[in-house]
Amino acid sequence: MARDTRNPAVSNKKVVVQLLDRTAIKGYVNPTGLAQAESLDLLTPDGEHRSIALPSVRTIYFVREFDEPYHLERKTFLSRPKINGLWVRLHFRDEDVIEGLVANDLVELLDGGIQLTPPDLHGNTIRLFIPRSAIEEMKVLGVVGIARRGPRESRPIISAAQSKLFTD
């Protein structure tokens, strides 16, 4: 009996791919390895496979439903975000600006693109992938959450002047 070796947690996700010329293509994408890929393998709702070069992609919107608008209603946070990560502001090459949260992992930031959680978590867009070629600038606005550090070494701090303070 042959054993299925595919990872059941990884499947094609609903996306709207926005190209640099602002045209949009709906379809399904396997998100694993997206940051290292040179092209995007898109399965359209009609069952057609399309290969799209990542340098021609502006943004990949991971959406809940195709019928709902994929554009973000809010592109910035109204207040400091509550989810852990790096709060960033991206400037696109076409001068558009968006804020979001990225993982607080510098290794992920060295990949060929940015996985971004949008400011409005209740909209149709769950997350975005933005290829590096579409980004002009990225600034960190804040670090949200606590850094994972080892336990701090505890030692008493007593100076010579303080040690005589309570003695005669």
N, C-alpha and C. Protein backbone atom coordinates (compact mmCIF):
# COMPACT_ATOMS: atom_id res chain seq x y z
N MET A 1 0.84 -1.18 0.00
CA MET A 1 0.00 0.00 0.00
C MET A 1 0.88 1.24 0.00
N ALA A 2 0.69 2.12 -0.95
CA ALA A 2 1.49 3.35 -1.05
C ALA A 2 1.05 4.34 0.02
N ARG A 3 2.04 4.97 0.61
CA ARG A 3 1.77 5.94 1.66
C ARG A 3 1.79 7.35 1.08
N ASP A 4 0.84 8.17 1.46
CA ASP A 4 0.77 9.56 0.99
C ASP A 4 1.76 10.39 1.78
N THR A 5 2.79 10.93 1.11
CA THR A 5 3.84 11.69 1.79
C THR A 5 3.62 13.19 1.73
N ARG A 6 2.53 13.63 1.14
CA ARG A 6 2.26 15.07 1.07
C ARG A 6 1.91 15.60 2.45
N ASN A 7 2.25 16.84 2.69
CA ASN A 7 1.90 17.48 3.95
C ASN A 7 0.46 17.95 3.87
N PRO A 8 -0.45 17.40 4.69
CA PRO A 8 -1.86 17.76 4.58
C PRO A 8 -2.13 19.21 4.99
N ALA A 9 -1.23 19.83 5.77
CA ALA A 9 -1.46 21.20 6.21
C ALA A 9 -1.16 22.21 5.10
N VAL A 10 -0.41 21.78 4.10
CA VAL A 10 -0.04 22.68 3.01
C VAL A 10 -0.96 22.41 1.83
N SER A 11 -1.68 23.44 1.42
CA SER A 11 -2.56 23.29 0.27
C SER A 11 -2.59 24.61 -0.48
N ASN A 12 -3.23 24.59 -1.61
CA ASN A 12 -3.35 25.82 -2.38
C ASN A 12 -4.30 26.77 -1.68
N LYS A 13 -3.92 28.03 -1.63
CA LYS A 13 -4.71 29.06 -0.96
C LYS A 13 -5.31 30.00 -1.99
N LYS A 14 -6.46 30.57 -1.66
CA LYS A 14 -7.12 31.54 -2.54
C LYS A 14 -6.31 32.83 -2.53
N VAL A 15 -6.01 33.32 -3.73
CA VAL A 15 -5.25 34.56 -3.85
C VAL A 15 -5.80 35.43 -4.97
N VAL A 16 -5.50 36.70 -4.86
CA VAL A 16 -5.65 37.63 -5.97
C VAL A 16 -4.26 38.20 -6.20
N VAL A 17 -3.71 37.95 -7.38
CA VAL A 17 -2.37 38.42 -7.72
C VAL A 17 -2.53 39.74 -8.46
N GLN A 18 -1.95 40.78 -7.89
CA GLN A 18 -1.99 42.10 -8.53
C GLN A 18 -0.63 42.33 -9.19
N LEU A 19 -0.65 42.53 -10.50
CA LEU A 19 0.57 42.77 -11.25
C LEU A 19 0.98 44.24 -11.14
N LEU A 20 2.18 44.55 -11.59
CA LEU A 20 2.68 45.93 -11.51
C LEU A 20 1.81 46.91 -12.27
N ASP A 21 1.14 46.44 -13.33
CA ASP A 21 0.25 47.33 -14.09
C ASP A 21 -1.15 47.42 -13.47
N ARG A 22 -1.30 46.88 -12.26
CA ARG A 22 -2.53 46.91 -11.44
C ARG A 22 -3.64 45.99 -11.95
N THR A 23 -3.35 45.11 -12.91
CA THR A 23 -4.34 44.11 -13.29
C THR A 23 -4.34 43.01 -12.24
N ALA A 24 -5.48 42.39 -12.05
CA ALA A 24 -5.62 41.37 -11.01
C ALA A 24 -6.00 40.03 -11.63
N ILE A 25 -5.41 38.97 -11.09
CA ILE A 25 -5.69 37.61 -11.54
C ILE A 25 -6.06 36.79 -10.31
N LYS A 26 -7.24 36.16 -10.33
CA LYS A 26 -7.68 35.32 -9.22
C LYS A 26 -7.22 33.89 -9.45
N GLY A 27 -6.93 33.20 -8.35
CA GLY A 27 -6.52 31.81 -8.48
C GLY A 27 -6.10 31.21 -7.17
N TYR A 28 -5.40 30.09 -7.29
CA TYR A 28 -4.93 29.34 -6.13
C TYR A 28 -3.42 29.17 -6.23
N VAL A 29 -2.74 29.33 -5.07
CA VAL A 29 -1.27 29.25 -5.02
C VAL A 29 -0.87 28.42 -3.82
N ASN A 30 0.17 27.63 -3.98
CA ASN A 30 0.78 26.95 -2.84
C ASN A 30 1.79 27.92 -2.24
N PRO A 31 1.58 28.37 -0.99
CA PRO A 31 2.43 29.41 -0.41
C PRO A 31 3.81 28.95 0.03
N THR A 32 4.07 27.65 0.12
CA THR A 32 5.38 27.19 0.56
C THR A 32 6.44 27.51 -0.49
N GLY A 33 7.54 28.04 -0.04
CA GLY A 33 8.65 28.37 -0.93
C GLY A 33 8.41 29.58 -1.81
N LEU A 34 7.39 30.34 -1.51
CA LEU A 34 7.04 31.50 -2.34
C LEU A 34 8.15 32.54 -2.35
N ALA A 35 8.79 32.75 -1.21
CA ALA A 35 9.82 33.78 -1.11
C ALA A 35 11.09 33.43 -1.89
N GLN A 36 11.33 32.14 -2.13
CA GLN A 36 12.53 31.73 -2.85
C GLN A 36 12.27 31.48 -4.34
N ALA A 37 11.01 31.50 -4.74
CA ALA A 37 10.65 31.17 -6.12
C ALA A 37 10.96 32.32 -7.07
N GLU A 38 11.21 31.98 -8.31
CA GLU A 38 11.42 32.99 -9.35
C GLU A 38 10.13 33.29 -10.09
N SER A 39 9.22 32.31 -10.06
CA SER A 39 7.93 32.52 -10.70
C SER A 39 6.84 31.91 -9.82
N LEU A 40 5.63 32.34 -10.08
CA LEU A 40 4.47 31.94 -9.32
C LEU A 40 3.66 30.97 -10.16
N ASP A 41 3.35 29.80 -9.60
CA ASP A 41 2.53 28.82 -10.30
C ASP A 41 1.10 29.01 -9.82
N LEU A 42 0.26 29.59 -10.65
CA LEU A 42 -1.12 29.94 -10.30
C LEU A 42 -2.09 29.00 -11.00
N LEU A 43 -3.04 28.48 -10.23
CA LEU A 43 -4.13 27.68 -10.79
C LEU A 43 -5.37 28.56 -10.80
N THR A 44 -5.88 28.87 -11.96
CA THR A 44 -7.05 29.74 -12.07
C THR A 44 -8.31 28.99 -11.65
N PRO A 45 -9.39 29.71 -11.33
CA PRO A 45 -10.65 29.03 -10.98
C PRO A 45 -11.18 28.13 -12.10
N ASP A 46 -10.75 28.38 -13.35
CA ASP A 46 -11.16 27.55 -14.49
C ASP A 46 -10.30 26.30 -14.63
N GLY A 47 -9.26 26.14 -13.78
CA GLY A 47 -8.40 24.97 -13.85
C GLY A 47 -7.18 25.14 -14.73
N GLU A 48 -6.91 26.33 -15.19
CA GLU A 48 -5.76 26.61 -16.06
C GLU A 48 -4.54 26.96 -15.21
N HIS A 49 -3.38 26.38 -15.55
CA HIS A 49 -2.13 26.72 -14.87
C HIS A 49 -1.49 27.91 -15.57
N ARG A 50 -1.07 28.89 -14.78
CA ARG A 50 -0.36 30.06 -15.32
C ARG A 50 0.91 30.25 -14.53
N SER A 51 1.99 30.51 -15.22
CA SER A 51 3.25 30.82 -14.58
C SER A 51 3.48 32.33 -14.71
N ILE A 52 3.66 32.98 -13.57
CA ILE A 52 3.82 34.44 -13.55
C ILE A 52 5.17 34.75 -12.92
N ALA A 53 6.01 35.51 -13.61
CA ALA A 53 7.32 35.89 -13.08
C ALA A 53 7.13 36.81 -11.87
N LEU A 54 7.78 36.51 -10.75
CA LEU A 54 7.61 37.31 -9.54
C LEU A 54 8.01 38.78 -9.72
N PRO A 55 9.02 39.12 -10.54
CA PRO A 55 9.32 40.54 -10.72
C PRO A 55 8.18 41.35 -11.35
N SER A 56 7.22 40.69 -11.98
CA SER A 56 6.08 41.40 -12.56
C SER A 56 4.90 41.50 -11.59
N VAL A 57 5.05 40.92 -10.38
CA VAL A 57 3.99 40.92 -9.37
C VAL A 57 4.18 42.09 -8.42
N ARG A 58 3.09 42.80 -8.14
CA ARG A 58 3.12 43.88 -7.15
C ARG A 58 2.78 43.35 -5.78
N THR A 59 1.67 42.63 -5.66
CA THR A 59 1.22 42.09 -4.38
C THR A 59 0.40 40.83 -4.62
N ILE A 60 0.56 39.87 -3.71
CA ILE A 60 -0.29 38.69 -3.69
C ILE A 60 -1.17 38.81 -2.46
N TYR A 61 -2.47 38.92 -2.67
CA TYR A 61 -3.44 39.04 -1.59
C TYR A 61 -4.01 37.65 -1.29
N PHE A 62 -3.79 37.15 -0.08
CA PHE A 62 -4.41 35.91 0.35
C PHE A 62 -5.78 36.27 0.89
N VAL A 63 -6.83 35.78 0.24
CA VAL A 63 -8.19 36.24 0.53
C VAL A 63 -9.06 35.11 1.06
N ARG A 64 -10.14 35.51 1.74
CA ARG A 64 -11.11 34.54 2.23
C ARG A 64 -12.04 34.11 1.09
N GLU A 65 -12.52 35.09 0.31
CA GLU A 65 -13.47 34.84 -0.78
C GLU A 65 -13.07 35.63 -2.03
N PHE A 66 -13.26 35.04 -3.20
CA PHE A 66 -12.98 35.74 -4.45
C PHE A 66 -13.98 36.84 -4.73
N ASP A 67 -15.24 36.66 -4.28
CA ASP A 67 -16.30 37.61 -4.61
C ASP A 67 -16.23 38.91 -3.82
N GLU A 68 -15.50 38.91 -2.71
CA GLU A 68 -15.36 40.11 -1.88
C GLU A 68 -14.20 40.97 -2.39
N PRO A 69 -14.23 42.28 -2.11
CA PRO A 69 -13.10 43.13 -2.53
C PRO A 69 -11.81 42.73 -1.81
N TYR A 70 -10.72 42.69 -2.55
CA TYR A 70 -9.44 42.31 -1.95
C TYR A 70 -8.64 43.53 -1.51
N HIS A 71 -8.96 44.71 -2.04
CA HIS A 71 -8.23 45.92 -1.64
C HIS A 71 -8.45 46.19 -0.17
N LEU A 72 -7.45 46.69 0.49
CA LEU A 72 -7.54 46.97 1.91
C LEU A 72 -8.31 48.26 2.15
N GLU A 73 -9.27 48.20 3.08
CA GLU A 73 -10.01 49.41 3.43
C GLU A 73 -9.12 50.36 4.22
N ARG A 74 -8.28 49.80 5.07
CA ARG A 74 -7.32 50.59 5.85
C ARG A 74 -5.92 50.13 5.49
N LYS A 75 -5.04 51.07 5.21
CA LYS A 75 -3.66 50.73 4.89
C LYS A 75 -2.70 51.06 6.03
N THR A 76 -3.24 51.65 7.09
CA THR A 76 -2.42 51.96 8.26
C THR A 76 -3.16 51.56 9.52
N PHE A 77 -2.43 51.38 10.60
CA PHE A 77 -3.04 51.05 11.89
C PHE A 77 -3.59 52.32 12.53
N LEU A 78 -4.71 52.22 13.21
CA LEU A 78 -5.30 53.35 13.91
C LEU A 78 -4.57 53.61 15.23
N SER A 79 -4.00 52.56 15.81
CA SER A 79 -3.20 52.66 17.03
C SER A 79 -2.15 51.57 16.98
N ARG A 80 -1.33 51.50 18.01
CA ARG A 80 -0.28 50.48 18.05
C ARG A 80 -0.90 49.09 17.96
N PRO A 81 -0.39 48.24 17.04
CA PRO A 81 -0.95 46.88 16.90
C PRO A 81 -0.72 46.04 18.16
N LYS A 82 -1.55 45.03 18.32
CA LYS A 82 -1.47 44.15 19.50
C LYS A 82 -0.80 42.81 19.21
N ILE A 83 -0.67 42.45 17.96
CA ILE A 83 -0.08 41.17 17.56
C ILE A 83 1.44 41.29 17.58
N ASN A 84 2.12 40.25 18.05
CA ASN A 84 3.59 40.27 18.11
C ASN A 84 4.19 40.32 16.71
N GLY A 85 5.27 41.08 16.57
CA GLY A 85 5.98 41.17 15.31
C GLY A 85 6.60 42.54 15.13
N LEU A 86 7.11 42.77 13.95
CA LEU A 86 7.66 44.08 13.60
C LEU A 86 6.58 44.88 12.88
N TRP A 87 6.30 46.05 13.38
CA TRP A 87 5.33 46.96 12.77
C TRP A 87 6.12 47.75 11.73
N VAL A 88 5.77 47.57 10.46
CA VAL A 88 6.54 48.18 9.37
C VAL A 88 5.67 49.04 8.47
N ARG A 89 6.32 49.95 7.79
CA ARG A 89 5.68 50.75 6.74
C ARG A 89 6.45 50.50 5.45
N LEU A 90 5.71 50.03 4.43
CA LEU A 90 6.31 49.75 3.13
C LEU A 90 5.96 50.85 2.14
N HIS A 91 6.95 51.26 1.39
CA HIS A 91 6.75 52.20 0.28
C HIS A 91 6.97 51.40 -1.01
N PHE A 92 5.94 51.33 -1.82
CA PHE A 92 6.04 50.63 -3.10
C PHE A 92 6.76 51.51 -4.12
N ARG A 93 7.21 50.90 -5.19
CA ARG A 93 7.87 51.66 -6.27
C ARG A 93 6.92 52.64 -6.94
N ASP A 94 5.60 52.36 -6.88
CA ASP A 94 4.63 53.27 -7.47
C ASP A 94 4.13 54.32 -6.47
N GLU A 95 4.88 54.50 -5.37
CA GLU A 95 4.65 55.52 -4.34
C GLU A 95 3.46 55.24 -3.44
N ASP A 96 2.85 54.06 -3.51
CA ASP A 96 1.80 53.68 -2.59
C ASP A 96 2.46 53.29 -1.26
N VAL A 97 1.72 53.43 -0.17
CA VAL A 97 2.25 53.13 1.16
C VAL A 97 1.28 52.21 1.89
N ILE A 98 1.81 51.25 2.63
CA ILE A 98 0.99 50.35 3.43
C ILE A 98 1.76 50.01 4.71
N GLU A 99 1.02 49.84 5.80
CA GLU A 99 1.60 49.37 7.05
C GLU A 99 1.14 47.94 7.29
N GLY A 100 1.90 47.23 8.09
CA GLY A 100 1.52 45.87 8.45
C GLY A 100 2.49 45.30 9.46
N LEU A 101 2.28 44.05 9.78
CA LEU A 101 3.15 43.35 10.71
C LEU A 101 3.87 42.22 9.99
N VAL A 102 5.16 42.10 10.25
CA VAL A 102 5.95 40.99 9.72
C VAL A 102 6.53 40.24 10.91
N ALA A 103 6.94 39.01 10.68
CA ALA A 103 7.53 38.20 11.75
C ALA A 103 8.81 38.85 12.24
N ASN A 104 9.04 38.76 13.53
CA ASN A 104 10.26 39.32 14.12
C ASN A 104 11.38 38.29 13.95
N ASP A 105 11.72 38.02 12.69
CA ASP A 105 12.72 37.03 12.33
C ASP A 105 13.51 37.57 11.16
N LEU A 106 14.75 37.96 11.42
CA LEU A 106 15.55 38.59 10.37
C LEU A 106 15.85 37.64 9.23
N VAL A 107 15.88 36.36 9.47
CA VAL A 107 16.13 35.39 8.40
C VAL A 107 15.02 35.47 7.35
N GLU A 108 13.77 35.57 7.82
CA GLU A 108 12.65 35.68 6.88
C GLU A 108 12.72 36.97 6.07
N LEU A 109 13.25 38.03 6.66
CA LEU A 109 13.33 39.31 5.95
C LEU A 109 14.39 39.29 4.86
N LEU A 110 15.28 38.30 4.87
CA LEU A 110 16.31 38.20 3.84
C LEU A 110 15.83 37.48 2.60
N ASP A 111 14.61 36.94 2.63
CA ASP A 111 14.06 36.21 1.49
C ASP A 111 13.70 37.17 0.35
N GLY A 112 13.09 36.61 -0.68
CA GLY A 112 12.75 37.38 -1.87
C GLY A 112 11.47 38.18 -1.76
N GLY A 113 10.91 38.28 -0.56
CA GLY A 113 9.69 39.04 -0.38
C GLY A 113 9.28 39.09 1.07
N ILE A 114 8.22 39.81 1.34
CA ILE A 114 7.75 40.04 2.70
C ILE A 114 6.36 39.45 2.88
N GLN A 115 6.16 38.63 3.92
CA GLN A 115 4.83 38.18 4.32
C GLN A 115 4.31 39.22 5.30
N LEU A 116 3.19 39.82 5.00
CA LEU A 116 2.68 40.95 5.77
C LEU A 116 1.27 40.67 6.27
N THR A 117 1.02 40.95 7.55
CA THR A 117 -0.33 40.89 8.10
C THR A 117 -0.90 42.30 8.00
N PRO A 118 -2.05 42.47 7.34
CA PRO A 118 -2.59 43.82 7.12
C PRO A 118 -3.19 44.41 8.39
N PRO A 119 -3.39 45.73 8.41
CA PRO A 119 -3.96 46.41 9.58
C PRO A 119 -5.38 45.97 9.92
N ASP A 120 -6.19 45.65 8.93
CA ASP A 120 -7.58 45.25 9.18
C ASP A 120 -7.67 43.73 9.14
N LEU A 121 -7.71 43.11 10.31
CA LEU A 121 -7.75 41.65 10.38
C LEU A 121 -9.12 41.07 10.07
N HIS A 122 -10.15 41.91 10.01
CA HIS A 122 -11.51 41.42 9.79
C HIS A 122 -11.96 41.56 8.34
N GLY A 123 -11.09 42.06 7.48
CA GLY A 123 -11.45 42.22 6.07
C GLY A 123 -11.28 40.92 5.30
N ASN A 124 -11.44 41.01 4.00
CA ASN A 124 -11.33 39.84 3.14
C ASN A 124 -9.88 39.37 2.98
N THR A 125 -8.92 40.29 3.10
CA THR A 125 -7.52 39.94 2.93
C THR A 125 -6.95 39.47 4.26
N ILE A 126 -6.45 38.24 4.29
CA ILE A 126 -5.90 37.64 5.49
C ILE A 126 -4.45 38.05 5.68
N ARG A 127 -3.67 37.99 4.61
CA ARG A 127 -2.27 38.39 4.62
C ARG A 127 -1.84 38.72 3.20
N LEU A 128 -0.65 39.28 3.09
CA LEU A 128 -0.13 39.66 1.78
C LEU A 128 1.29 39.12 1.63
N PHE A 129 1.66 38.86 0.40
CA PHE A 129 3.06 38.60 0.06
C PHE A 129 3.45 39.66 -0.94
N ILE A 130 4.52 40.38 -0.63
CA ILE A 130 4.98 41.45 -1.51
C ILE A 130 6.41 41.11 -1.94
N PRO A 131 6.62 40.87 -3.23
CA PRO A 131 7.98 40.57 -3.70
C PRO A 131 8.91 41.75 -3.47
N ARG A 132 10.15 41.45 -3.24
CA ARG A 132 11.15 42.51 -3.01
C ARG A 132 11.23 43.50 -4.16
N SER A 133 11.01 43.01 -5.37
CA SER A 133 11.11 43.87 -6.55
C SER A 133 10.06 44.96 -6.56
N ALA A 134 8.97 44.83 -5.80
CA ALA A 134 7.90 45.83 -5.76
C ALA A 134 8.11 46.87 -4.66
N ILE A 135 9.09 46.62 -3.78
CA ILE A 135 9.29 47.48 -2.61
C ILE A 135 10.42 48.48 -2.84
N GLU A 136 10.12 49.74 -2.59
CA GLU A 136 11.13 50.79 -2.67
C GLU A 136 11.84 50.95 -1.32
N GLU A 137 11.06 50.91 -0.23
CA GLU A 137 11.62 51.15 1.10
C GLU A 137 10.76 50.45 2.15
N MET A 138 11.40 49.99 3.21
CA MET A 138 10.67 49.40 4.34
C MET A 138 11.28 49.94 5.62
N LYS A 139 10.43 50.54 6.47
CA LYS A 139 10.89 51.08 7.74
C LYS A 139 10.19 50.37 8.88
N VAL A 140 10.93 50.08 9.93
CA VAL A 140 10.35 49.49 11.14
C VAL A 140 9.84 50.63 12.00
N LEU A 141 8.54 50.59 12.32
CA LEU A 141 7.92 51.62 13.15
C LEU A 141 7.94 51.23 14.62
N GLY A 142 8.02 49.94 14.90
CA GLY A 142 8.04 49.49 16.29
C GLY A 142 8.16 47.99 16.38
N VAL A 143 8.54 47.54 17.56
CA VAL A 143 8.58 46.12 17.86
C VAL A 143 7.44 45.84 18.83
N VAL A 144 6.55 44.96 18.44
CA VAL A 144 5.38 44.66 19.26
C VAL A 144 5.60 43.30 19.91
N GLY A 145 5.39 43.23 21.22
CA GLY A 145 5.60 42.00 21.95
C GLY A 145 6.95 42.01 22.63
N ILE A 146 7.24 40.95 23.33
CA ILE A 146 8.49 40.89 24.06
C ILE A 146 9.48 40.02 23.32
N ALA A 147 10.74 40.39 23.42
CA ALA A 147 11.79 39.60 22.80
C ALA A 147 12.02 38.35 23.63
N ARG A 148 12.34 37.28 22.98
CA ARG A 148 12.61 36.03 23.70
C ARG A 148 14.08 36.02 24.10
N ARG A 149 14.32 36.18 25.38
CA ARG A 149 15.68 36.16 25.90
C ARG A 149 15.80 35.06 26.93
N GLY A 150 17.04 34.72 27.21
CA GLY A 150 17.28 33.75 28.27
C GLY A 150 17.07 34.42 29.62
N PRO A 151 17.05 33.63 30.68
CA PRO A 151 16.86 34.21 32.01
C PRO A 151 18.02 35.13 32.36
N ARG A 152 17.70 36.18 33.04
CA ARG A 152 18.69 37.18 33.40
C ARG A 152 19.45 36.72 34.64
N GLU A 153 20.73 36.93 34.62
CA GLU A 153 21.55 36.54 35.76
C GLU A 153 21.29 37.53 36.89
N SER A 154 20.96 37.02 38.05
CA SER A 154 20.68 37.91 39.17
C SER A 154 21.90 38.00 40.08
N ARG A 155 22.35 39.22 40.32
CA ARG A 155 23.43 39.45 41.25
C ARG A 155 23.12 40.70 42.04
N PRO A 156 23.48 40.70 43.28
CA PRO A 156 23.22 41.90 44.08
C PRO A 156 24.15 43.03 43.64
N ILE A 157 23.58 44.21 43.54
CA ILE A 157 24.36 45.39 43.17
C ILE A 157 24.49 46.25 44.43
N ILE A 158 25.66 46.23 45.00
CA ILE A 158 25.91 47.00 46.22
C ILE A 158 27.22 47.76 46.03
N SER A 159 27.15 49.03 46.12
CA SER A 159 28.37 49.82 46.04
C SER A 159 28.92 50.01 47.44
N ALA A 160 30.16 50.43 47.52
CA ALA A 160 30.81 50.63 48.81
C ALA A 160 30.09 51.71 49.62
N ALA A 161 29.60 52.77 48.96
CA ALA A 161 28.92 53.86 49.66
C ALA A 161 27.58 53.38 50.21
N GLN A 162 26.87 52.56 49.47
CA GLN A 162 25.58 52.08 49.93
C GLN A 162 25.71 51.04 51.03
N SER A 163 26.78 50.26 51.02
CA SER A 163 26.91 49.24 52.06
C SER A 163 27.08 49.84 53.45
N LYS A 164 27.56 51.08 53.55
CA LYS A 164 27.74 51.75 54.83
C LYS A 164 26.49 52.57 55.21
N LEU A 165 25.51 52.64 54.37
CA LEU A 165 24.35 53.48 54.57
C LEU A 165 23.54 53.07 55.79
N PHE A 166 23.39 51.78 56.03
CA PHE A 166 22.55 51.32 57.12
C PHE A 166 23.35 50.81 58.33
N THR A 167 24.63 51.03 58.34
CA THR A 167 25.46 50.63 59.46
C THR A 167 26.11 51.84 60.09
N ASP A 168 26.43 51.73 61.36
CA ASP A 168 27.14 52.83 62.03
C ASP A 168 28.57 52.53 62.23
